[in-house]
Amino acid sequence: MAVGLRHFTARAGNGSGEPILDTDNGEELVHVQPSVSVAVGDRAPESPGTLYITTRQVIWLSELDREKGYAVYFLSLSLHAVSRDPEAYPSPCIYTQIETEADEVEDESEDSDSECSEVLDLSKIREMRFIPSDANQLDTLFQVFCECAELNPEPIEEGEEEGHNWIFSADQLEDEAGAGDDVEWHFSQNPTNTIGHSNGHHDLASSVLELQINDQRFDDAEEMEQDSDTGHHHQSQ
């Protein structure tokens, strides 16, 4: 599967219809939104086209140039959001951040040159905006983006433990704590108060749990100090 933004020209009907999807592997069309402009990187918006959202990717096809189109898999979209702030961007849009094959930060001048040159290097594009002619469609588009992104969870890399992607409630964490013999665990009794949410960052989970343990240790130390002070006070009397 290709990473990052890529050109897309595979259309049905001799290149004049909808995009050709990978139906053999279960890809399905979820939403079609006409009259959507796309702004790639720092470039000005393209002339309006049609936005196709499938169970695997986002595809934009130009209405004027049948040879122009872009696509990005949901697995390459690290963020999508609704932008209505004119100071952030002049037009209301769906803003997306794209993961590329090269994770290292490119020099700003190189990025600017590549995005403004005649030949657009899609491998360096990290941002893209979808600008519908009807801004009232933004919430609908955002919801579809969310639903389809959930269909494409980030795969667990080989060697990672199954429990790395986690959301734990207080009750679940107390169950885990019951297995320990030497450490007393303390968690909120509110089941809606989750300790944390991580997407594969086991170190973060360990840090949060260690913090909870340390907090309890501090509480125990304070209680012991108070008991000591109380006993000393009684002896003085």
Protein backbone atom coordinates (compact mmCIF):
# COMPACT_ATOMS: atom_id res chain seq x y z
CA MET A 1 0.00 0.00 0.00
CA ALA A 2 1.41 3.37 -1.06
CA VAL A 3 2.16 5.85 1.71
CA GLY A 4 1.30 9.54 1.40
CA LEU A 5 -0.51 11.52 -1.24
CA ARG A 6 -0.47 10.11 -4.77
CA HIS A 7 -1.81 10.88 -8.24
CA PHE A 8 -5.02 9.08 -9.17
CA THR A 9 -6.39 8.76 -12.71
CA ALA A 10 -8.17 5.38 -12.71
CA ARG A 11 -11.71 6.27 -13.78
CA ALA A 12 -14.50 4.13 -15.11
CA GLY A 13 -16.26 4.84 -18.39
CA ASN A 14 -13.15 5.45 -20.49
CA GLY A 15 -11.76 7.89 -17.96
CA SER A 16 -14.89 10.00 -17.57
CA GLY A 17 -16.71 8.39 -14.67
CA GLU A 18 -16.24 7.48 -11.03
CA PRO A 19 -12.95 6.15 -9.68
CA ILE A 20 -12.17 2.48 -10.10
CA LEU A 21 -12.02 0.91 -6.66
CA ASP A 22 -10.41 -2.26 -5.35
CA THR A 23 -13.73 -4.03 -4.98
CA ASP A 24 -12.07 -7.46 -5.11
CA ASN A 25 -10.56 -6.67 -1.71
CA GLY A 26 -13.72 -5.20 -0.24
CA GLU A 27 -13.31 -1.49 -0.96
CA GLU A 28 -16.67 0.28 -1.14
CA LEU A 29 -17.79 3.80 -2.01
CA VAL A 30 -19.22 5.53 1.07
CA HIS A 31 -19.83 9.17 0.11
CA VAL A 32 -19.71 11.39 -2.99
CA GLN A 33 -19.46 15.17 -2.68
CA PRO A 34 -19.45 17.25 -5.89
CA SER A 35 -18.15 20.80 -6.22
CA VAL A 36 -15.17 20.45 -3.89
CA SER A 37 -11.91 22.29 -4.45
CA VAL A 38 -8.65 20.88 -3.15
CA ALA A 39 -5.62 22.81 -1.93
CA VAL A 40 -2.43 20.74 -1.92
CA GLY A 41 0.28 21.96 0.42
CA ASP A 42 0.70 25.72 0.13
CA ARG A 43 -0.73 25.89 -3.38
CA ALA A 44 -3.85 27.79 -4.33
CA PRO A 45 -7.05 25.72 -4.55
CA GLU A 46 -7.60 23.69 -7.70
CA SER A 47 -10.71 24.20 -9.80
CA PRO A 48 -13.70 22.31 -8.35
CA GLY A 49 -13.86 18.56 -8.60
CA THR A 50 -15.66 15.65 -6.98
CA LEU A 51 -14.67 14.13 -3.66
CA TYR A 52 -15.08 10.37 -3.27
CA ILE A 53 -14.71 8.82 0.17
CA THR A 54 -14.36 5.05 0.30
CA THR A 55 -13.86 2.54 3.06
CA ARG A 56 -10.10 2.77 2.44
CA GLN A 57 -9.18 6.12 0.93
CA VAL A 58 -10.08 9.67 -0.03
CA ILE A 59 -10.09 10.42 -3.76
CA TRP A 60 -10.48 13.80 -5.45
CA LEU A 61 -11.05 13.98 -9.22
CA SER A 62 -11.01 17.17 -11.25
CA GLU A 63 -14.15 18.02 -13.19
CA LEU A 64 -12.21 19.88 -15.89
CA ASP A 65 -9.05 17.84 -16.34
CA ARG A 66 -9.72 14.11 -16.61
CA GLU A 67 -6.03 13.40 -16.08
CA LYS A 68 -5.91 15.17 -12.74
CA GLY A 69 -6.76 13.49 -9.49
CA TYR A 70 -5.37 12.82 -6.02
CA ALA A 71 -5.82 10.02 -3.52
CA VAL A 72 -4.63 9.21 -0.04
CA TYR A 73 -5.30 6.15 2.10
CA PHE A 74 -6.84 6.71 5.51
CA LEU A 75 -3.82 4.94 7.01
CA SER A 76 -1.72 7.87 5.74
CA LEU A 77 -3.99 10.52 7.28
CA SER A 78 -2.62 11.35 10.71
CA LEU A 79 -5.20 14.09 11.34
CA HIS A 80 -8.40 15.53 9.88
CA ALA A 81 -10.39 18.45 11.23
CA VAL A 82 -12.96 21.08 10.34
CA SER A 83 -11.44 24.52 9.83
CA ARG A 84 -13.73 27.56 9.92
CA ASP A 85 -11.26 30.14 11.23
CA PRO A 86 -10.56 32.69 8.47
CA GLU A 87 -7.25 33.52 10.13
CA ALA A 88 -6.13 29.89 9.68
CA TYR A 89 -7.47 29.61 6.11
CA PRO A 90 -9.69 31.94 4.07
CA SER A 91 -12.34 29.31 3.26
CA PRO A 92 -14.10 26.79 5.50
CA CYS A 93 -12.60 23.39 4.77
CA ILE A 94 -11.62 19.92 5.90
CA TYR A 95 -7.97 20.13 6.90
CA THR A 96 -5.83 16.99 6.74
CA GLN A 97 -2.27 16.10 7.68
CA ILE A 98 -0.55 13.40 5.65
CA GLU A 99 2.20 11.01 6.68
CA THR A 100 4.94 10.62 4.10
CA GLU A 101 7.57 7.97 3.47
CA ALA A 102 10.28 10.33 4.74
CA ASP A 103 9.52 11.24 8.35
CA GLU A 104 12.46 13.58 8.72
CA VAL A 105 11.68 17.28 8.56
CA GLU A 106 12.44 18.81 5.18
CA ASP A 107 14.04 22.22 4.82
CA GLU A 108 11.30 24.86 4.56
CA SER A 109 12.80 26.34 1.41
CA GLU A 110 12.83 22.91 -0.23
CA ASP A 111 9.19 22.33 0.71
CA SER A 112 8.21 25.70 -0.68
CA ASP A 113 10.07 25.11 -3.92
CA SER A 114 8.60 21.65 -4.42
CA GLU A 115 5.03 22.77 -3.74
CA CYS A 116 5.20 25.83 -5.97
CA SER A 117 7.07 24.27 -8.87
CA GLU A 118 5.39 23.14 -12.06
CA VAL A 119 6.09 19.51 -11.24
CA LEU A 120 4.43 18.78 -7.91
CA ASP A 121 6.32 16.30 -5.75
CA LEU A 122 3.51 14.58 -3.86
CA SER A 123 5.98 12.65 -1.70
CA LYS A 124 6.74 15.86 0.21
CA ILE A 125 3.14 17.01 0.70
CA ARG A 126 2.09 16.89 4.35
CA GLU A 127 -1.10 18.98 4.25
CA MET A 128 -4.21 19.05 2.08
CA ARG A 129 -7.50 20.91 2.36
CA PHE A 130 -10.89 19.99 0.89
CA ILE A 131 -13.05 23.07 0.29
CA PRO A 132 -16.73 22.35 -0.50
CA SER A 133 -18.71 25.01 -2.35
CA ASP A 134 -21.41 24.54 0.29
CA ALA A 135 -19.82 25.05 3.70
CA ASN A 136 -22.88 23.49 5.32
CA GLN A 137 -21.54 20.10 4.15
CA LEU A 138 -18.46 20.31 6.36
CA ASP A 139 -19.98 18.55 9.36
CA THR A 140 -21.28 15.73 7.16
CA LEU A 141 -17.89 15.30 5.50
CA PHE A 142 -16.13 15.33 8.85
CA GLN A 143 -18.43 12.62 10.18
CA VAL A 144 -17.81 10.44 7.13
CA PHE A 145 -14.06 10.96 7.53
CA CYS A 146 -14.31 9.82 11.15
CA GLU A 147 -16.37 6.73 10.35
CA CYS A 148 -14.05 5.61 7.55
CA ALA A 149 -10.93 6.33 9.59
CA GLU A 150 -12.27 3.97 12.26
CA LEU A 151 -12.46 1.25 9.61
CA ASN A 152 -8.69 1.62 9.10
CA PRO A 153 -6.99 1.31 12.50
CA GLU A 154 -3.23 1.58 12.57
CA PRO A 155 -1.79 -1.95 12.36
CA ILE A 156 0.26 -3.25 15.28
CA GLU A 157 3.86 -3.67 14.21
CA GLU A 158 5.51 -7.04 14.49
CA GLY A 159 6.92 -7.59 17.95
CA GLU A 160 4.51 -5.23 19.69
CA GLU A 161 2.31 -6.58 22.45
CA GLU A 162 -1.41 -6.83 21.86
CA GLY A 163 -2.15 -4.57 24.80
CA HIS A 164 -0.33 -1.52 23.42
CA ASN A 165 -3.47 0.10 22.01
CA TRP A 166 -5.43 0.71 25.19
CA ILE A 167 -8.20 2.57 26.91
CA PHE A 168 -8.62 1.45 30.49
CA SER A 169 -11.39 2.35 32.88
CA ALA A 170 -10.82 2.61 36.59
CA ASP A 171 -12.49 -0.76 37.21
CA GLN A 172 -10.23 -2.50 34.70
CA LEU A 173 -7.14 -0.97 36.22
CA GLU A 174 -8.21 -2.05 39.70
CA ASP A 175 -8.52 -5.62 38.39
CA GLU A 176 -4.97 -5.39 37.06
CA ALA A 177 -3.84 -3.97 40.38
CA GLY A 178 -5.25 -6.97 42.24
CA ALA A 179 -2.53 -9.15 40.74
CA GLY A 180 0.23 -7.21 42.57
CA ASP A 181 1.31 -8.28 46.07
CA ASP A 182 3.72 -5.57 47.19
CA VAL A 183 2.11 -2.40 45.88
CA GLU A 184 -1.17 -0.84 46.91
CA TRP A 185 -2.98 0.73 43.95
CA HIS A 186 -5.42 3.60 44.11
CA PHE A 187 -7.75 4.74 41.31
CA SER A 188 -10.79 6.92 40.92
CA GLN A 189 -14.10 5.13 41.38
CA ASN A 190 -15.66 7.04 38.49
CA PRO A 191 -15.90 4.52 35.61
CA THR A 192 -16.04 7.35 33.07
CA ASN A 193 -12.77 8.78 34.28
CA THR A 194 -10.22 6.94 32.15
CA ILE A 195 -6.59 6.96 33.14
CA GLY A 196 -5.32 7.48 29.62
CA HIS A 197 -5.51 6.72 25.95
CA SER A 198 -2.51 5.63 23.94
CA ASN A 199 -2.07 4.39 20.41
CA GLY A 200 0.80 2.00 20.78
CA HIS A 201 2.88 3.99 23.31
CA HIS A 202 3.51 1.46 26.08
CA ASP A 203 5.98 3.82 27.81
CA LEU A 204 3.18 6.32 28.32
CA ALA A 205 1.01 3.64 29.91
CA SER A 206 3.82 2.64 32.26
CA SER A 207 4.46 6.26 33.20
CA VAL A 208 0.80 6.89 34.03
CA LEU A 209 0.53 3.75 36.14
CA GLU A 210 3.83 4.52 37.89
CA LEU A 211 2.52 7.98 38.67
CA GLN A 212 -0.56 6.45 40.28
CA ILE A 213 1.65 4.15 42.37
CA ASN A 214 3.92 6.98 43.45
CA ASP A 215 0.94 9.11 44.40
CA GLN A 216 -0.28 6.33 46.68
CA ARG A 217 3.14 5.96 48.20
CA PHE A 218 3.21 9.66 48.98
CA ASP A 219 -0.21 9.29 50.65
CA ASP A 220 1.07 6.39 52.76
CA ALA A 221 4.15 8.38 53.76
CA GLU A 222 2.00 11.32 54.85
CA GLU A 223 -0.26 9.02 56.90
CA MET A 224 2.76 7.43 58.59
CA GLU A 225 4.17 10.86 59.39
CA GLN A 226 0.83 11.98 60.83
CA ASP A 227 0.60 8.82 62.98
CA SER A 228 4.14 9.39 64.22
CA ASP A 229 3.39 12.99 65.11
CA THR A 230 0.19 11.95 66.92
CA GLY A 231 2.00 9.26 68.92
CA HIS A 232 4.73 11.69 69.87
CA HIS A 233 2.12 14.20 70.99
CA HIS A 234 0.43 11.61 73.22
CA GLN A 235 3.75 10.64 74.78
CA SER A 236 4.47 14.30 75.59
CA GLN A 237 1.23 14.51 77.52
